[in-house]
Amino acid sequence: MSSTASAATPLSAARRVPSISHSRREDLFALVVGTLFVSFGITLYGQAGLVTGGTAGMAFLLHYATGLPFGVGFFLINLPFYAFAVMRMGWNFALRTFCSVALVSAFSLLHPKFLQFNNAEPFYTAIFGGLMIGTGSIVLFRHRASLGGVNIVALYVQDKFGFPAGKLQMCVDLCVVFAALFVVSPMAIAASILGAIALNLVIALNHKPGRYMGI
């Protein structure tokens, strides 16, 4: 057998391996773990006075401007997007997303009761928090859920047109961060932009069509 054929065999075999569906128990565990990661990153951002993108960023802006708790604002802002999720992605995806948003909203209210960070360095917090939110988002994506809002639109565009969800999310996130110039300091904006880049690089590098075989 030639070396070329030998080298190609493992790859061909890998392509023939059927995808394995996640069990309900695995999906439930993933929703809890993913939303814990995301809400912890959001808690870091809130205690450092930072913002992020998407509907979470909108909820932060609302929180800083009016004092409305992040969890409440995040849940309310996402409500209009569920109709789009049902029409474009199906009831299963919409229900999982609703559960994810509800859990992030609840956990973001719970974390500060157990953890308080004083004098958090904004750039370190932005990078670490962004990586936490991005990792949690990947967990949710791979179990057919999202964080609602822009995530729903980004996943639909990727599935329909092949445009990477991470790149579209990054464009929207940067717009939201720049809008925060009216409510947070320039240093917090600079750190938030760095965090948005870290968050979306995690998604762009790890959530690509065909890379992950689980359903």
Protein backbone atom coordinates (compact mmCIF):
# COMPACT_ATOMS: atom_id res chain seq x y z
CA MET A 1 0.00 0.00 0.00
CA SER A 2 1.37 3.42 -0.92
CA SER A 3 2.20 6.00 1.76
CA THR A 4 -0.41 8.37 0.27
CA ALA A 5 -3.20 5.82 0.58
CA SER A 6 -2.04 4.90 4.06
CA ALA A 7 -2.13 8.52 5.20
CA ALA A 8 -5.57 9.10 3.72
CA THR A 9 -7.19 6.09 5.37
CA PRO A 10 -7.54 7.48 8.93
CA LEU A 11 -9.02 10.74 7.62
CA SER A 12 -11.50 8.88 5.43
CA ALA A 13 -12.44 6.66 8.33
CA ALA A 14 -12.96 9.70 10.56
CA ARG A 15 -15.30 11.20 8.01
CA ARG A 16 -17.40 8.01 8.01
CA VAL A 17 -17.88 8.04 11.80
CA PRO A 18 -21.53 8.90 12.46
CA SER A 19 -22.37 11.75 14.78
CA ILE A 20 -23.67 10.74 18.20
CA SER A 21 -26.61 12.62 19.66
CA HIS A 22 -26.35 14.01 23.16
CA SER A 23 -28.62 12.48 25.76
CA ARG A 24 -31.10 14.63 27.69
CA ARG A 25 -28.93 14.26 30.79
CA GLU A 26 -25.90 15.53 28.87
CA ASP A 27 -27.90 18.45 27.47
CA LEU A 28 -29.16 19.40 30.93
CA PHE A 29 -25.67 19.23 32.43
CA ALA A 30 -24.28 21.31 29.56
CA LEU A 31 -26.94 24.00 30.02
CA VAL A 32 -26.06 24.33 33.71
CA VAL A 33 -22.28 24.32 33.15
CA GLY A 34 -22.42 26.68 30.16
CA THR A 35 -24.64 29.20 31.91
CA LEU A 36 -22.52 29.05 35.08
CA PHE A 37 -19.42 29.92 33.03
CA VAL A 38 -21.20 32.73 31.20
CA SER A 39 -22.80 34.22 34.31
CA PHE A 40 -19.51 34.09 36.21
CA GLY A 41 -17.78 36.01 33.43
CA ILE A 42 -20.64 38.52 33.44
CA THR A 43 -20.32 38.91 37.22
CA LEU A 44 -16.63 39.73 36.79
CA TYR A 45 -17.52 42.34 34.19
CA GLY A 46 -20.20 43.90 36.37
CA GLN A 47 -17.93 44.19 39.41
CA ALA A 48 -15.19 45.78 37.30
CA GLY A 49 -17.60 48.24 35.64
CA LEU A 50 -17.08 46.76 32.16
CA VAL A 51 -19.48 45.99 29.33
CA THR A 52 -19.74 43.23 26.75
CA GLY A 53 -21.58 42.86 23.47
CA GLY A 54 -24.96 41.60 22.27
CA THR A 55 -28.01 41.60 24.49
CA ALA A 56 -25.78 41.14 27.55
CA GLY A 57 -24.08 44.43 26.65
CA MET A 58 -27.46 46.10 26.27
CA ALA A 59 -28.44 44.81 29.70
CA PHE A 60 -25.21 46.25 31.14
CA LEU A 61 -25.93 49.63 29.57
CA LEU A 62 -29.43 49.55 31.03
CA HIS A 63 -28.02 48.58 34.42
CA TYR A 64 -25.43 51.37 34.48
CA ALA A 65 -27.91 53.97 33.24
CA THR A 66 -30.93 53.07 35.40
CA GLY A 67 -29.75 50.72 38.16
CA LEU A 68 -31.96 47.87 36.93
CA PRO A 69 -30.29 44.56 37.92
CA PHE A 70 -28.44 42.94 35.03
CA GLY A 71 -30.32 39.65 35.34
CA VAL A 72 -33.71 41.34 35.04
CA GLY A 73 -32.68 43.48 32.07
CA PHE A 74 -31.02 40.57 30.28
CA PHE A 75 -34.14 38.43 30.57
CA LEU A 76 -36.47 41.20 29.36
CA ILE A 77 -34.31 42.31 26.41
CA ASN A 78 -34.21 38.77 25.06
CA LEU A 79 -37.98 38.29 24.98
CA PRO A 80 -38.53 39.70 21.43
CA PHE A 81 -35.90 37.37 19.95
CA TYR A 82 -37.68 34.14 20.84
CA ALA A 83 -40.21 34.50 18.03
CA PHE A 84 -37.32 34.69 15.54
CA ALA A 85 -35.72 31.65 17.18
CA VAL A 86 -38.91 29.61 16.77
CA MET A 87 -39.42 30.64 13.14
CA ARG A 88 -35.81 30.19 12.04
CA MET A 89 -34.29 27.56 14.35
CA GLY A 90 -37.27 25.55 15.68
CA TRP A 91 -38.99 25.08 19.02
CA ASN A 92 -36.27 22.83 20.45
CA PHE A 93 -33.57 25.46 19.98
CA ALA A 94 -35.88 28.24 21.21
CA LEU A 95 -36.79 26.39 24.41
CA ARG A 96 -33.16 25.57 25.19
CA THR A 97 -32.22 29.19 24.59
CA PHE A 98 -35.03 30.39 26.85
CA CYS A 99 -33.74 28.09 29.60
CA SER A 100 -30.16 29.31 29.05
CA VAL A 101 -31.16 32.97 29.28
CA ALA A 102 -33.24 32.31 32.40
CA LEU A 103 -30.34 30.47 34.07
CA VAL A 104 -27.80 33.18 33.20
CA SER A 105 -30.20 35.80 34.57
CA ALA A 106 -30.66 33.84 37.81
CA PHE A 107 -26.99 32.93 38.27
CA SER A 108 -25.87 36.53 37.62
CA LEU A 109 -28.04 37.60 40.56
CA LEU A 110 -26.71 34.73 42.70
CA HIS A 111 -22.91 34.97 42.16
CA PRO A 112 -22.45 38.38 43.86
CA LYS A 113 -23.95 36.96 47.05
CA PHE A 114 -21.01 34.54 47.30
CA LEU A 115 -18.16 36.35 45.51
CA GLN A 116 -17.00 39.95 45.75
CA PHE A 117 -13.93 41.29 43.93
CA ASN A 118 -12.54 44.60 45.15
CA ASN A 119 -10.22 46.70 42.97
CA ALA A 120 -10.35 44.26 40.04
CA GLU A 121 -7.81 45.19 37.35
CA PRO A 122 -9.99 46.00 34.29
CA PHE A 123 -7.81 44.56 31.51
CA TYR A 124 -7.13 41.28 33.32
CA THR A 125 -10.81 41.00 34.24
CA ALA A 126 -11.89 41.76 30.66
CA ILE A 127 -9.70 39.03 29.16
CA PHE A 128 -10.48 36.38 31.77
CA GLY A 129 -14.20 37.23 31.83
CA GLY A 130 -14.34 37.22 28.03
CA LEU A 131 -12.72 33.80 27.86
CA MET A 132 -15.20 32.49 30.44
CA ILE A 133 -18.20 33.85 28.53
CA GLY A 134 -16.86 32.54 25.22
CA THR A 135 -16.20 29.06 26.62
CA GLY A 136 -19.65 28.91 28.18
CA SER A 137 -21.18 30.00 24.88
CA ILE A 138 -19.40 27.17 23.04
CA VAL A 139 -20.82 24.65 25.53
CA LEU A 140 -24.31 25.99 24.86
CA PHE A 141 -23.86 26.11 21.06
CA ARG A 142 -22.79 22.47 20.98
CA HIS A 143 -25.97 21.47 22.73
CA ARG A 144 -28.25 23.44 20.41
CA ALA A 145 -28.77 26.41 22.70
CA SER A 146 -27.60 30.01 22.80
CA LEU A 147 -27.68 33.15 24.91
CA GLY A 148 -30.51 34.62 22.88
CA GLY A 149 -30.58 37.89 20.99
CA VAL A 150 -27.65 38.35 18.64
CA ASN A 151 -26.51 34.77 19.27
CA ILE A 152 -29.70 33.50 17.63
CA VAL A 153 -29.18 35.68 14.57
CA ALA A 154 -25.47 34.79 14.36
CA LEU A 155 -26.12 31.05 14.51
CA TYR A 156 -28.89 31.29 11.91
CA VAL A 157 -26.64 33.25 9.52
CA GLN A 158 -23.86 30.68 9.96
CA ASP A 159 -26.21 27.74 9.33
CA LYS A 160 -27.90 29.43 6.37
CA PHE A 161 -25.04 31.26 4.64
CA GLY A 162 -21.86 29.84 6.16
CA PHE A 163 -20.68 33.19 7.58
CA PRO A 164 -18.87 32.43 10.88
CA ALA A 165 -20.99 33.18 13.94
CA GLY A 166 -17.99 34.53 15.83
CA LYS A 167 -17.18 37.17 13.21
CA LEU A 168 -20.75 38.46 13.02
CA GLN A 169 -20.99 38.47 16.80
CA MET A 170 -17.73 40.43 17.03
CA CYS A 171 -19.02 43.18 14.72
CA VAL A 172 -22.19 43.62 16.76
CA ASP A 173 -20.32 43.43 20.06
CA LEU A 174 -17.92 46.20 19.10
CA CYS A 175 -20.85 48.45 18.20
CA VAL A 176 -22.44 47.87 21.61
CA VAL A 177 -19.13 48.50 23.39
CA PHE A 178 -18.63 51.81 21.58
CA ALA A 179 -22.18 52.84 22.56
CA ALA A 180 -21.09 52.39 26.17
CA LEU A 181 -18.91 55.53 25.85
CA PHE A 182 -21.89 57.41 27.24
CA VAL A 183 -22.04 55.46 30.53
CA VAL A 184 -18.54 54.13 31.41
CA SER A 185 -14.99 55.47 31.43
CA PRO A 186 -12.64 55.36 28.40
CA MET A 187 -10.39 52.89 30.24
CA ALA A 188 -13.35 50.59 30.84
CA ILE A 189 -14.22 50.86 27.13
CA ALA A 190 -10.68 49.92 26.11
CA ALA A 191 -10.71 46.92 28.44
CA SER A 192 -14.18 45.92 27.23
CA ILE A 193 -13.03 45.96 23.60
CA LEU A 194 -10.16 43.64 24.53
CA GLY A 195 -12.62 41.38 26.32
CA ALA A 196 -14.95 41.33 23.30
CA ILE A 197 -12.05 40.26 21.08
CA ALA A 198 -11.05 37.47 23.52
CA LEU A 199 -14.65 36.27 23.79
CA ASN A 200 -15.28 36.11 20.08
CA LEU A 201 -11.91 34.58 19.22
CA VAL A 202 -12.89 31.63 21.40
CA ILE A 203 -16.14 31.28 19.43
CA ALA A 204 -14.56 31.87 16.01
CA LEU A 205 -11.80 29.30 16.60
CA ASN A 206 -13.96 26.61 18.18
CA HIS A 207 -17.40 26.85 16.57
CA LYS A 208 -17.08 26.01 12.89
CA PRO A 209 -19.44 23.92 10.73
CA GLY A 210 -18.39 20.24 10.68
CA ARG A 211 -15.68 20.55 13.35
CA TYR A 212 -17.71 19.09 16.21
CA MET A 213 -19.68 15.90 15.53
CA GLY A 214 -21.98 15.93 18.59
CA ILE A 215 -25.59 17.03 18.09
